Amino acid sequence: MKKIPCYFFPSQVVLIDDDRTILDNLVPCLDEDTSVHVTFQNPFKALDYVNAQPKYQPSSDQLIEVTNSEEWQHIRLDFNIYDVHKRVYNPNRFKQISTLVVDYHMPGINGLEFCEKITNSGVQRILLTGDEDEHIAIEAFNQGLIHAYVKKHEFEAIKKLKKAIHDSQFNYFQNLSRLTMSAATFDKSTTALEDSCFVELFFDLIKENKIVEHYLHETTGTFLFLNKKGESSSLFTFTQDQLDLISSFHDYSGPLFDSLKTYEQILCFHSRETVEIPSPSQWHQYVRPAQLLQGDQRYYYAYGANGFDLDHSQILSFEAYLTARSYN
């Protein structure tokens, strides 16, 4: 089953081939919705460029805090999931290199020697080969030196390369967020993140709404989404037990509260200032129609525009980034 990384945004894909014609013909065929394509003819300049980029840490390293521990040789860790979405304010996020596409046959250094010199082990590596080099690529794949290979002259090579790049980008972000997602899904009764029905729903929403960025906000299955223009939307997800718990804290009457207790609507709230649920007198601002998702348990979710209290003036959209880059 495909897993959801705790965050994803468009990233750099670096392509290296000493034949400029191949690069010029290749790039226009690739997906521009989730990739920034950087090309090099000179593999040594490419190597300097890739190794000079910041080494991005797994998200867990940035979100974990060590809490007080009373037991000998025990360390308690606290994950601040609420901070994941703050990456959306980083204007340099799209410069992150997730994937390399490198030709095997190059002067002075071959593709595998190039991959061996990459200092950031997290970057995904795709090798372009000729038919006669397939056994070399298979051996390199089995050794973990590359993550995929595509034969340049095979039928539907472009289609296969596009899929390999797509998969590599997701694998890159999955690897960065593996520990975070393991912690987030430790208690299966409180999260939908690894339920196959929810995973299918999640990726359907991504495709249908042309989402290019997502950020986990709550371990239940609540996400911030952004499209290429930087327009935000959100998915709020709760288990039925969680909704029952919220209702049990309040003893009110009226149509709004009745709709919450019967799961017709759910409270979709996010604030930059607090994590506290607002007072019931304000709930009408945050309710959305709920939909039932029956998976391993009963979930209720709501998807719609906005939903997050964001400072949009501080968010660089992917479209704006590409426009600015084209002028430089």
C-alpha atoms as a PDB file:
ATOM      1  CA  MET A   1       0.000   0.000   0.000  1.00  0.00           C
ATOM      2  CA  LYS A   2       1.269   3.458  -0.890  1.00  0.00           C
ATOM      3  CA  LYS A   3       2.070   5.463   2.241  1.00  0.00           C
ATOM      4  CA  ILE A   4       1.460   9.149   2.839  1.00  0.00           C
ATOM      5  CA  PRO A   5       4.522  11.266   3.676  1.00  0.00           C
ATOM      6  CA  CYS A   6       3.883  13.809   6.405  1.00  0.00           C
ATOM      7  CA  TYR A   7       4.726  16.568   3.942  1.00  0.00           C
ATOM      8  CA  PHE A   8       5.390  16.990   0.242  1.00  0.00           C
ATOM      9  CA  PHE A   9       6.166  19.897  -2.048  1.00  0.00           C
ATOM     10  CA  PRO A  10       7.676  20.305  -5.537  1.00  0.00           C
ATOM     11  CA  SER A  11      11.409  19.687  -5.518  1.00  0.00           C
ATOM     12  CA  GLN A  12      14.442  19.866  -7.750  1.00  0.00           C
ATOM     13  CA  VAL A  13      15.137  17.089 -10.218  1.00  0.00           C
ATOM     14  CA  VAL A  14      18.686  17.343 -11.552  1.00  0.00           C
ATOM     15  CA  LEU A  15      19.311  15.761 -14.980  1.00  0.00           C
ATOM     16  CA  ILE A  16      22.855  15.038 -16.181  1.00  0.00           C
ATOM     17  CA  ASP A  17      23.707  13.993 -19.740  1.00  0.00           C
ATOM     18  CA  ASP A  18      26.653  15.095 -21.864  1.00  0.00           C
ATOM     19  CA  ASP A  19      24.341  15.238 -24.891  1.00  0.00           C
ATOM     20  CA  ARG A  20      22.581  18.636 -24.829  1.00  0.00           C
ATOM     21  CA  THR A  21      20.092  17.513 -27.495  1.00  0.00           C
ATOM     22  CA  ILE A  22      18.822  14.735 -25.232  1.00  0.00           C
ATOM     23  CA  LEU A  23      18.377  17.163 -22.332  1.00  0.00           C
ATOM     24  CA  ASP A  24      16.603  19.731 -24.509  1.00  0.00           C
ATOM     25  CA  ASN A  25      14.210  17.092 -25.841  1.00  0.00           C
ATOM     26  CA  LEU A  26      13.681  15.416 -22.489  1.00  0.00           C
ATOM     27  CA  VAL A  27      12.794  18.265 -20.133  1.00  0.00           C
ATOM     28  CA  PRO A  28       9.697  19.552 -22.007  1.00  0.00           C
ATOM     29  CA  CYS A  29       8.211  16.055 -21.746  1.00  0.00           C
ATOM     30  CA  LEU A  30       8.492  15.893 -17.954  1.00  0.00           C
ATOM     31  CA  ASP A  31       5.954  16.926 -15.321  1.00  0.00           C
ATOM     32  CA  GLU A  32       6.226  20.609 -14.432  1.00  0.00           C
ATOM     33  CA  ASP A  33       3.592  20.500 -11.691  1.00  0.00           C
ATOM     34  CA  THR A  34       5.781  18.913  -9.036  1.00  0.00           C
ATOM     35  CA  SER A  35       9.339  19.284 -10.369  1.00  0.00           C
ATOM     36  CA  VAL A  36      11.940  21.973 -10.895  1.00  0.00           C
ATOM     37  CA  HIS A  37      14.237  20.693 -13.629  1.00  0.00           C
ATOM     38  CA  VAL A  38      17.917  21.619 -13.548  1.00  0.00           C
ATOM     39  CA  THR A  39      20.151  20.261 -16.337  1.00  0.00           C
ATOM     40  CA  PHE A  40      23.886  19.761 -16.702  1.00  0.00           C
ATOM     41  CA  GLN A  41      26.045  18.588 -19.577  1.00  0.00           C
ATOM     42  CA  ASN A  42      29.185  18.615 -17.475  1.00  0.00           C
ATOM     43  CA  PRO A  43      28.918  15.888 -14.802  1.00  0.00           C
ATOM     44  CA  PHE A  44      31.625  17.461 -12.639  1.00  0.00           C
ATOM     45  CA  LYS A  45      29.782  20.782 -12.472  1.00  0.00           C
ATOM     46  CA  ALA A  46      26.630  18.831 -11.657  1.00  0.00           C
ATOM     47  CA  LEU A  47      28.434  16.989  -8.870  1.00  0.00           C
ATOM     48  CA  ASP A  48      29.660  20.272  -7.365  1.00  0.00           C
ATOM     49  CA  TYR A  49      26.137  21.702  -7.592  1.00  0.00           C
ATOM     50  CA  VAL A  50      24.427  18.743  -5.932  1.00  0.00           C
ATOM     51  CA  ASN A  51      26.982  18.328  -3.144  1.00  0.00           C
ATOM     52  CA  ALA A  52      26.926  22.059  -2.368  1.00  0.00           C
ATOM     53  CA  GLN A  53      23.208  21.986  -1.558  1.00  0.00           C
ATOM     54  CA  PRO A  54      22.150  21.911   2.111  1.00  0.00           C
ATOM     55  CA  LYS A  55      21.749  18.413   3.536  1.00  0.00           C
ATOM     56  CA  TYR A  56      18.129  18.363   4.616  1.00  0.00           C
ATOM     57  CA  GLN A  57      17.460  16.430   7.781  1.00  0.00           C
ATOM     58  CA  PRO A  58      14.574  14.038   8.240  1.00  0.00           C
ATOM     59  CA  SER A  59      11.521  15.922   9.465  1.00  0.00           C
ATOM     60  CA  SER A  60      11.694  13.924  12.677  1.00  0.00           C
ATOM     61  CA  ASP A  61      15.047  15.520  13.543  1.00  0.00           C
ATOM     62  CA  GLN A  62      13.455  18.948  13.298  1.00  0.00           C
ATOM     63  CA  LEU A  63      10.241  18.076  15.149  1.00  0.00           C
ATOM     64  CA  ILE A  64      11.534  15.983  18.035  1.00  0.00           C
ATOM     65  CA  GLU A  65      12.252  17.364  21.463  1.00  0.00           C
ATOM     66  CA  VAL A  66      13.721  15.349  24.346  1.00  0.00           C
ATOM     67  CA  THR A  67      11.471  15.526  27.388  1.00  0.00           C
ATOM     68  CA  ASN A  68      12.356  14.903  31.004  1.00  0.00           C
ATOM     69  CA  SER A  69      13.016  11.238  31.714  1.00  0.00           C
ATOM     70  CA  GLU A  70      13.063   9.546  35.088  1.00  0.00           C
ATOM     71  CA  GLU A  71      14.078   6.030  34.051  1.00  0.00           C
ATOM     72  CA  TRP A  72      17.674   4.976  33.592  1.00  0.00           C
ATOM     73  CA  GLN A  73      18.745   5.008  29.917  1.00  0.00           C
ATOM     74  CA  HIS A  74      15.223   5.876  28.762  1.00  0.00           C
ATOM     75  CA  ILE A  75      14.644   8.883  26.511  1.00  0.00           C
ATOM     76  CA  ARG A  76      11.186  10.281  25.990  1.00  0.00           C
ATOM     77  CA  LEU A  77      10.580  12.150  22.758  1.00  0.00           C
ATOM     78  CA  ASP A  78       7.910  14.703  21.960  1.00  0.00           C
ATOM     79  CA  PHE A  79       6.784  15.180  18.349  1.00  0.00           C
ATOM     80  CA  ASN A  80       5.437  18.628  17.496  1.00  0.00           C
ATOM     81  CA  ILE A  81       3.252  17.686  14.533  1.00  0.00           C
ATOM     82  CA  TYR A  82       1.641  21.140  14.563  1.00  0.00           C
ATOM     83  CA  ASP A  83       4.862  22.663  13.204  1.00  0.00           C
ATOM     84  CA  VAL A  84       4.979  20.530  10.042  1.00  0.00           C
ATOM     85  CA  HIS A  85       2.850  22.962   8.041  1.00  0.00           C
ATOM     86  CA  LYS A  86       5.135  25.915   8.852  1.00  0.00           C
ATOM     87  CA  ARG A  87       7.421  24.721   6.062  1.00  0.00           C
ATOM     88  CA  VAL A  88       4.958  26.411   3.726  1.00  0.00           C
ATOM     89  CA  TYR A  89       6.501  29.747   4.758  1.00  0.00           C
ATOM     90  CA  ASN A  90       9.969  28.723   3.589  1.00  0.00           C
ATOM     91  CA  PRO A  91      10.519  30.352   0.152  1.00  0.00           C
ATOM     92  CA  ASN A  92      13.510  28.083  -0.493  1.00  0.00           C
ATOM     93  CA  ARG A  93      11.601  24.816  -0.110  1.00  0.00           C
ATOM     94  CA  PHE A  94      11.386  24.245  -3.872  1.00  0.00           C
ATOM     95  CA  LYS A  95      15.200  24.290  -4.137  1.00  0.00           C
ATOM     96  CA  GLN A  96      15.420  21.021  -2.237  1.00  0.00           C
ATOM     97  CA  ILE A  97      16.930  18.293  -4.437  1.00  0.00           C
ATOM     98  CA  SER A  98      14.978  15.063  -4.261  1.00  0.00           C
ATOM     99  CA  THR A  99      16.028  13.239  -7.429  1.00  0.00           C
ATOM    100  CA  LEU A 100      18.940  12.802  -9.811  1.00  0.00           C
ATOM    101  CA  VAL A 101      18.601  11.477 -13.355  1.00  0.00           C
ATOM    102  CA  VAL A 102      22.056  10.620 -14.669  1.00  0.00           C
ATOM    103  CA  ASP A 103      23.258   9.060 -17.910  1.00  0.00           C
ATOM    104  CA  TYR A 104      25.529   6.046 -17.585  1.00  0.00           C
ATOM    105  CA  HIS A 105      27.853   6.898 -20.494  1.00  0.00           C
ATOM    106  CA  MET A 106      29.599  10.243 -19.912  1.00  0.00           C
ATOM    107  CA  PRO A 107      33.158  11.426 -20.550  1.00  0.00           C
ATOM    108  CA  GLY A 108      35.499  11.319 -17.573  1.00  0.00           C
ATOM    109  CA  ILE A 109      33.019   9.682 -15.201  1.00  0.00           C
ATOM    110  CA  ASN A 110      30.171   7.228 -15.708  1.00  0.00           C
ATOM    111  CA  GLY A 111      26.763   7.461 -14.090  1.00  0.00           C
ATOM    112  CA  LEU A 112      27.503   4.969 -11.321  1.00  0.00           C
ATOM    113  CA  GLU A 113      30.782   6.665 -10.406  1.00  0.00           C
ATOM    114  CA  PHE A 114      28.821   9.916 -10.278  1.00  0.00           C
ATOM    115  CA  CYS A 115      26.274   8.391  -7.891  1.00  0.00           C
ATOM    116  CA  GLU A 116      29.046   7.085  -5.639  1.00  0.00           C
ATOM    117  CA  LYS A 117      30.322  10.647  -5.142  1.00  0.00           C
ATOM    118  CA  ILE A 118      26.972  12.072  -4.023  1.00  0.00           C
ATOM    119  CA  THR A 119      27.316  13.035  -0.353  1.00  0.00           C
ATOM    120  CA  ASN A 120      23.594  13.283   0.398  1.00  0.00           C
ATOM    121  CA  SER A 121      22.480   9.670   0.666  1.00  0.00           C
ATOM    122  CA  GLY A 122      18.820  10.684   0.828  1.00  0.00           C
ATOM    123  CA  VAL A 123      18.670  11.913  -2.763  1.00  0.00           C
ATOM    124  CA  GLN A 124      16.983   9.403  -5.070  1.00  0.00           C
ATOM    125  CA  ARG A 125      19.094   8.318  -8.061  1.00  0.00           C
ATOM    126  CA  ILE A 126      17.770   7.205 -11.471  1.00  0.00           C
ATOM    127  CA  LEU A 127      20.199   5.847 -14.063  1.00  0.00           C
ATOM    128  CA  LEU A 128      19.690   6.239 -17.821  1.00  0.00           C
ATOM    129  CA  THR A 129      21.210   3.289 -19.676  1.00  0.00           C
ATOM    130  CA  GLY A 130      21.523   1.653 -23.055  1.00  0.00           C
ATOM    131  CA  ASP A 131      20.161  -1.829 -23.719  1.00  0.00           C
ATOM    132  CA  GLU A 132      23.625  -3.314 -23.304  1.00  0.00           C
ATOM    133  CA  ASP A 133      24.025  -1.808 -19.813  1.00  0.00           C
ATOM    134  CA  GLU A 134      20.930  -3.289 -18.185  1.00  0.00           C
ATOM    135  CA  HIS A 135      22.880  -5.933 -16.225  1.00  0.00           C
ATOM    136  CA  ILE A 136      25.077  -3.161 -14.782  1.00  0.00           C
ATOM    137  CA  ALA A 137      21.987  -1.177 -13.750  1.00  0.00           C
ATOM    138  CA  ILE A 138      20.360  -4.219 -12.126  1.00  0.00           C
ATOM    139  CA  GLU A 139      23.483  -4.894 -10.072  1.00  0.00           C
ATOM    140  CA  ALA A 140      23.693  -1.232  -9.006  1.00  0.00           C
ATOM    141  CA  PHE A 141      20.003  -1.303  -8.045  1.00  0.00           C
ATOM    142  CA  ASN A 142      20.457  -4.451  -5.954  1.00  0.00           C
ATOM    143  CA  GLN A 143      23.393  -2.820  -4.186  1.00  0.00           C
ATOM    144  CA  GLY A 144      21.325   0.282  -3.386  1.00  0.00           C
ATOM    145  CA  LEU A 145      23.538   2.613  -5.413  1.00  0.00           C
ATOM    146  CA  ILE A 146      20.605   3.610  -7.605  1.00  0.00           C
ATOM    147  CA  HIS A 147      16.880   3.519  -6.909  1.00  0.00           C
ATOM    148  CA  ALA A 148      15.637   3.008 -10.472  1.00  0.00           C
ATOM    149  CA  TYR A 149      16.857   2.801 -14.053  1.00  0.00           C
ATOM    150  CA  VAL A 150      15.350   3.509 -17.449  1.00  0.00           C
ATOM    151  CA  LYS A 151      16.681   2.349 -20.793  1.00  0.00           C
ATOM    152  CA  LYS A 152      16.926   5.445 -22.971  1.00  0.00           C
ATOM    153  CA  HIS A 153      15.818   3.857 -26.218  1.00  0.00           C
ATOM    154  CA  GLU A 154      13.134   1.481 -24.959  1.00  0.00           C
ATOM    155  CA  PHE A 155       9.465   1.764 -25.864  1.00  0.00           C
ATOM    156  CA  GLU A 156       7.698   4.449 -23.756  1.00  0.00           C
ATOM    157  CA  ALA A 157      11.009   5.499 -22.142  1.00  0.00           C
ATOM    158  CA  ILE A 158       9.638   8.999 -21.398  1.00  0.00           C
ATOM    159  CA  LYS A 159       6.523   7.586 -19.733  1.00  0.00           C
ATOM    160  CA  LYS A 160       8.637   5.250 -17.606  1.00  0.00           C
ATOM    161  CA  LEU A 161      11.026   8.053 -16.659  1.00  0.00           C
ATOM    162  CA  LYS A 162       8.139  10.315 -15.609  1.00  0.00           C
ATOM    163  CA  LYS A 163       6.808   7.551 -13.355  1.00  0.00           C
ATOM    164  CA  ALA A 164      10.283   6.879 -11.947  1.00  0.00           C
ATOM    165  CA  ILE A 165      10.705  10.570 -11.107  1.00  0.00           C
ATOM    166  CA  HIS A 166       7.232  10.753  -9.546  1.00  0.00           C
ATOM    167  CA  ASP A 167       7.903   7.681  -7.411  1.00  0.00           C
ATOM    168  CA  SER A 168      11.374   8.920  -6.461  1.00  0.00           C
ATOM    169  CA  GLN A 169      10.042  12.256  -5.238  1.00  0.00           C
ATOM    170  CA  PHE A 170       7.466  10.554  -3.041  1.00  0.00           C
ATOM    171  CA  ASN A 171      10.042   8.074  -1.763  1.00  0.00           C
ATOM    172  CA  TYR A 172      12.350  10.961  -0.900  1.00  0.00           C
ATOM    173  CA  PHE A 173       9.718  12.635   1.283  1.00  0.00           C
ATOM    174  CA  GLN A 174       8.575   9.320   2.738  1.00  0.00           C
ATOM    175  CA  ASN A 175      12.118   8.622   3.881  1.00  0.00           C
ATOM    176  CA  LEU A 176      12.389  12.072   5.444  1.00  0.00           C
ATOM    177  CA  SER A 177       9.174  11.581   7.386  1.00  0.00           C
ATOM    178  CA  ARG A 178       9.383   7.869   8.248  1.00  0.00           C
ATOM    179  CA  LEU A 179      10.028   8.284  11.984  1.00  0.00           C
ATOM    180  CA  THR A 180       7.480  11.060  12.308  1.00  0.00           C
ATOM    181  CA  MET A 181       4.778   8.986  10.630  1.00  0.00           C
ATOM    182  CA  SER A 182       5.678   5.946  12.724  1.00  0.00           C
ATOM    183  CA  ALA A 183       5.056   8.016  15.840  1.00  0.00           C
ATOM    184  CA  ALA A 184       1.891   9.540  14.397  1.00  0.00           C
ATOM    185  CA  THR A 185       0.404   6.120  13.607  1.00  0.00           C
ATOM    186  CA  PHE A 186       1.555   4.286  16.733  1.00  0.00           C
ATOM    187  CA  ASP A 187      -1.981   4.180  18.158  1.00  0.00           C
ATOM    188  CA  LYS A 188      -4.068   2.859  15.275  1.00  0.00           C
ATOM    189  CA  SER A 189      -7.318   3.639  17.077  1.00  0.00           C
ATOM    190  CA  THR A 190      -6.715   7.401  16.853  1.00  0.00           C
ATOM    191  CA  THR A 191      -5.555   7.826  13.269  1.00  0.00           C
ATOM    192  CA  ALA A 192      -6.677   7.145   9.716  1.00  0.00           C
ATOM    193  CA  LEU A 193      -3.232   7.700   8.188  1.00  0.00           C
ATOM    194  CA  GLU A 194      -2.499   4.030   7.456  1.00  0.00           C
ATOM    195  CA  ASP A 195      -6.024   2.888   6.713  1.00  0.00           C
ATOM    196  CA  SER A 196      -6.144   1.845   3.045  1.00  0.00           C
ATOM    197  CA  CYS A 197      -9.538   3.521   2.549  1.00  0.00           C
ATOM    198  CA  PHE A 198      -8.197   6.831   3.829  1.00  0.00           C
ATOM    199  CA  VAL A 199      -4.987   6.545   1.792  1.00  0.00           C
ATOM    200  CA  GLU A 200      -7.071   6.038  -1.358  1.00  0.00           C
ATOM    201  CA  LEU A 201      -9.260   9.032  -0.476  1.00  0.00           C
ATOM    202  CA  PHE A 202      -6.187  11.163   0.205  1.00  0.00           C
ATOM    203  CA  PHE A 203      -4.543  10.524  -3.153  1.00  0.00           C
ATOM    204  CA  ASP A 204      -7.865  10.913  -4.986  1.00  0.00           C
ATOM    205  CA  LEU A 205      -8.219  14.396  -3.459  1.00  0.00           C
ATOM    206  CA  ILE A 206      -4.638  15.215  -4.448  1.00  0.00           C
ATOM    207  CA  LYS A 207      -5.324  14.251  -8.063  1.00  0.00           C
ATOM    208  CA  GLU A 208      -8.820  15.723  -8.407  1.00  0.00           C
ATOM    209  CA  ASN A 209      -7.868  19.100  -6.936  1.00  0.00           C
ATOM    210  CA  LYS A 210      -4.414  19.374  -8.520  1.00  0.00           C
ATOM    211  CA  ILE A 211      -2.682  19.596  -5.169  1.00  0.00           C
ATOM    212  CA  VAL A 212       1.105  20.047  -5.352  1.00  0.00           C
ATOM    213  CA  GLU A 213       1.859  20.526  -1.630  1.00  0.00           C
ATOM    214  CA  HIS A 214       0.527  18.833   1.483  1.00  0.00           C
ATOM    215  CA  TYR A 215       1.396  19.105   5.171  1.00  0.00           C
ATOM    216  CA  LEU A 216       0.164  16.929   8.018  1.00  0.00           C
ATOM    217  CA  HIS A 217      -1.388  18.972  10.820  1.00  0.00           C
ATOM    218  CA  GLU A 218      -3.022  16.433  13.136  1.00  0.00           C
ATOM    219  CA  THR A 219      -2.329  12.739  13.464  1.00  0.00           C
ATOM    220  CA  THR A 220      -6.020  11.932  13.013  1.00  0.00           C
ATOM    221  CA  GLY A 221      -5.625  12.675   9.292  1.00  0.00           C
ATOM    222  CA  THR A 222      -5.890  16.443   9.008  1.00  0.00           C
ATOM    223  CA  PHE A 223      -3.855  18.111   6.248  1.00  0.00           C
ATOM    224  CA  LEU A 224      -3.156  21.490   4.731  1.00  0.00           C
ATOM    225  CA  PHE A 225      -3.148  21.413   0.911  1.00  0.00           C
ATOM    226  CA  LEU A 226      -1.873  23.938  -1.625  1.00  0.00           C
ATOM    227  CA  ASN A 227      -2.255  23.955  -5.388  1.00  0.00           C
ATOM    228  CA  LYS A 228       0.280  25.368  -7.850  1.00  0.00           C
ATOM    229  CA  LYS A 229      -1.126  28.882  -7.431  1.00  0.00           C
ATOM    230  CA  GLY A 230      -0.775  28.690  -3.660  1.00  0.00           C
ATOM    231  CA  GLU A 231      -4.516  28.461  -3.063  1.00  0.00           C
ATOM    232  CA  SER A 232      -5.113  26.536   0.134  1.00  0.00           C
ATOM    233  CA  SER A 233      -7.589  23.836   1.021  1.00  0.00           C
ATOM    234  CA  SER A 234      -7.812  21.413   3.893  1.00  0.00           C
ATOM    235  CA  LEU A 235      -8.875  17.937   4.875  1.00  0.00           C
ATOM    236  CA  PHE A 236     -10.117  17.451   8.435  1.00  0.00           C
ATOM    237  CA  THR A 237     -10.569  13.868   9.608  1.00  0.00           C
ATOM    238  CA  PHE A 238     -11.812  12.405  12.892  1.00  0.00           C
ATOM    239  CA  THR A 239     -12.735   8.998  14.200  1.00  0.00           C
ATOM    240  CA  GLN A 240     -16.248   8.581  15.517  1.00  0.00           C
ATOM    241  CA  ASP A 241     -14.863   8.121  19.041  1.00  0.00           C
ATOM    242  CA  GLN A 242     -13.046  11.449  18.803  1.00  0.00           C
ATOM    243  CA  LEU A 243     -16.215  13.252  17.736  1.00  0.00           C
ATOM    244  CA  ASP A 244     -18.148  11.628  20.572  1.00  0.00           C
ATOM    245  CA  LEU A 245     -15.476  12.846  22.999  1.00  0.00           C
ATOM    246  CA  ILE A 246     -15.721  16.424  21.721  1.00  0.00           C
ATOM    247  CA  SER A 247     -19.520  16.362  22.059  1.00  0.00           C
ATOM    248  CA  SER A 248     -19.330  14.983  25.578  1.00  0.00           C
ATOM    249  CA  PHE A 249     -17.528  18.105  26.759  1.00  0.00           C
ATOM    250  CA  HIS A 250     -20.482  20.324  25.908  1.00  0.00           C
ATOM    251  CA  ASP A 251     -24.106  20.131  26.955  1.00  0.00           C
ATOM    252  CA  TYR A 252     -25.873  22.417  24.525  1.00  0.00           C
ATOM    253  CA  SER A 253     -28.957  22.183  22.366  1.00  0.00           C
ATOM    254  CA  GLY A 254     -30.021  23.540  19.026  1.00  0.00           C
ATOM    255  CA  PRO A 255     -29.660  22.565  15.353  1.00  0.00           C
ATOM    256  CA  LEU A 256     -25.910  23.204  15.190  1.00  0.00           C
ATOM    257  CA  PHE A 257     -25.066  21.068  18.174  1.00  0.00           C
ATOM    258  CA  ASP A 258     -27.491  18.376  17.092  1.00  0.00           C
ATOM    259  CA  SER A 259     -25.759  18.207  13.691  1.00  0.00           C
ATOM    260  CA  LEU A 260     -22.393  17.778  15.425  1.00  0.00           C
ATOM    261  CA  LYS A 261     -23.677  15.012  17.671  1.00  0.00           C
ATOM    262  CA  THR A 262     -25.176  13.144  14.729  1.00  0.00           C
ATOM    263  CA  TYR A 263     -21.992  13.545  12.612  1.00  0.00           C
ATOM    264  CA  GLU A 264     -23.747  15.597   9.931  1.00  0.00           C
ATOM    265  CA  GLN A 265     -21.181  18.320  10.467  1.00  0.00           C
ATOM    266  CA  ILE A 266     -17.724  18.427  11.999  1.00  0.00           C
ATOM    267  CA  LEU A 267     -15.695  21.228  13.543  1.00  0.00           C
ATOM    268  CA  CYS A 268     -12.770  22.223  11.299  1.00  0.00           C
ATOM    269  CA  PHE A 269     -10.626  24.637  13.246  1.00  0.00           C
ATOM    270  CA  HIS A 270      -7.060  25.905  12.912  1.00  0.00           C
ATOM    271  CA  SER A 271      -5.505  29.007  14.433  1.00  0.00           C
ATOM    272  CA  ARG A 272      -2.026  30.486  14.341  1.00  0.00           C
ATOM    273  CA  GLU A 273      -2.504  31.686  17.894  1.00  0.00           C
ATOM    274  CA  THR A 274      -3.811  28.681  19.803  1.00  0.00           C
ATOM    275  CA  VAL A 275      -4.594  24.979  19.642  1.00  0.00           C
ATOM    276  CA  GLU A 276      -7.581  25.404  21.961  1.00  0.00           C
ATOM    277  CA  ILE A 277     -11.001  24.710  20.467  1.00  0.00           C
ATOM    278  CA  PRO A 278     -13.007  27.964  20.314  1.00  0.00           C
ATOM    279  CA  SER A 279     -16.046  28.531  22.466  1.00  0.00           C
ATOM    280  CA  PRO A 280     -19.324  27.005  21.224  1.00  0.00           C
ATOM    281  CA  SER A 281     -20.661  30.475  20.383  1.00  0.00           C
ATOM    282  CA  GLN A 282     -18.062  30.606  17.563  1.00  0.00           C
ATOM    283  CA  TRP A 283     -18.549  27.112  16.196  1.00  0.00           C
ATOM    284  CA  HIS A 284     -20.811  28.200  13.348  1.00  0.00           C
ATOM    285  CA  GLN A 285     -17.709  29.762  11.700  1.00  0.00           C
ATOM    286  CA  TYR A 286     -15.859  26.451  11.590  1.00  0.00           C
ATOM    287  CA  VAL A 287     -18.385  23.700  10.856  1.00  0.00           C
ATOM    288  CA  ARG A 288     -18.394  21.831   7.558  1.00  0.00           C
ATOM    289  CA  PRO A 289     -20.652  19.095   6.189  1.00  0.00           C
ATOM    290  CA  ALA A 290     -19.204  15.730   7.145  1.00  0.00           C
ATOM    291  CA  GLN A 291     -18.817  12.637   5.008  1.00  0.00           C
ATOM    292  CA  LEU A 292     -18.539   9.106   6.308  1.00  0.00           C
ATOM    293  CA  LEU A 293     -15.542   6.965   5.428  1.00  0.00           C
ATOM    294  CA  GLN A 294     -15.854   3.338   6.486  1.00  0.00           C
ATOM    295  CA  GLY A 295     -12.455   1.724   6.829  1.00  0.00           C
ATOM    296  CA  ASP A 296     -10.961  -0.216   9.702  1.00  0.00           C
ATOM    297  CA  GLN A 297     -13.214   2.009  11.784  1.00  0.00           C
ATOM    298  CA  ARG A 298     -15.695   4.806  11.124  1.00  0.00           C
ATOM    299  CA  TYR A 299     -14.171   8.132  10.135  1.00  0.00           C
ATOM    300  CA  TYR A 300     -15.822  11.423   9.335  1.00  0.00           C
ATOM    301  CA  TYR A 301     -14.046  13.920   7.115  1.00  0.00           C
ATOM    302  CA  ALA A 302     -14.576  17.274   5.436  1.00  0.00           C
ATOM    303  CA  TYR A 303     -12.612  18.699   2.527  1.00  0.00           C
ATOM    304  CA  GLY A 304     -12.900  22.280   1.325  1.00  0.00           C
ATOM    305  CA  ALA A 305     -11.210  25.555   0.492  1.00  0.00           C
ATOM    306  CA  ASN A 306      -9.113  27.331   3.085  1.00  0.00           C
ATOM    307  CA  GLY A 307      -9.712  26.029   6.622  1.00  0.00           C
ATOM    308  CA  PHE A 308      -6.293  27.071   7.911  1.00  0.00           C
ATOM    309  CA  ASP A 309      -5.417  30.398   9.479  1.00  0.00           C
ATOM    310  CA  LEU A 310      -2.478  31.243   7.200  1.00  0.00           C
ATOM    311  CA  ASP A 311      -0.549  34.393   6.384  1.00  0.00           C
ATOM    312  CA  HIS A 312      -0.826  34.087   2.618  1.00  0.00           C
ATOM    313  CA  SER A 313       1.355  37.164   2.098  1.00  0.00           C
ATOM    314  CA  GLN A 314       4.276  35.128   3.436  1.00  0.00           C
ATOM    315  CA  ILE A 315       3.703  32.090   1.201  1.00  0.00           C
ATOM    316  CA  LEU A 316       5.536  31.781  -2.113  1.00  0.00           C
ATOM    317  CA  SER A 317       3.470  29.624  -4.438  1.00  0.00           C
ATOM    318  CA  PHE A 318       5.108  27.131  -6.753  1.00  0.00           C
ATOM    319  CA  GLU A 319       3.736  29.017  -9.759  1.00  0.00           C
ATOM    320  CA  ALA A 320       5.273  32.276  -8.525  1.00  0.00           C
ATOM    321  CA  TYR A 321       8.569  30.519  -7.861  1.00  0.00           C
ATOM    322  CA  LEU A 322       8.687  29.142 -11.413  1.00  0.00           C
ATOM    323  CA  THR A 323       7.816  32.564 -12.860  1.00  0.00           C
ATOM    324  CA  ALA A 324      10.580  34.289 -10.884  1.00  0.00           C
ATOM    325  CA  ARG A 325      13.024  31.539 -11.839  1.00  0.00           C
ATOM    326  CA  SER A 326      12.268  31.959 -15.546  1.00  0.00           C
ATOM    327  CA  TYR A 327      13.337  35.613 -15.364  1.00  0.00           C
ATOM    328  CA  ASN A 328      16.677  34.812 -13.702  1.00  0.00           C
END
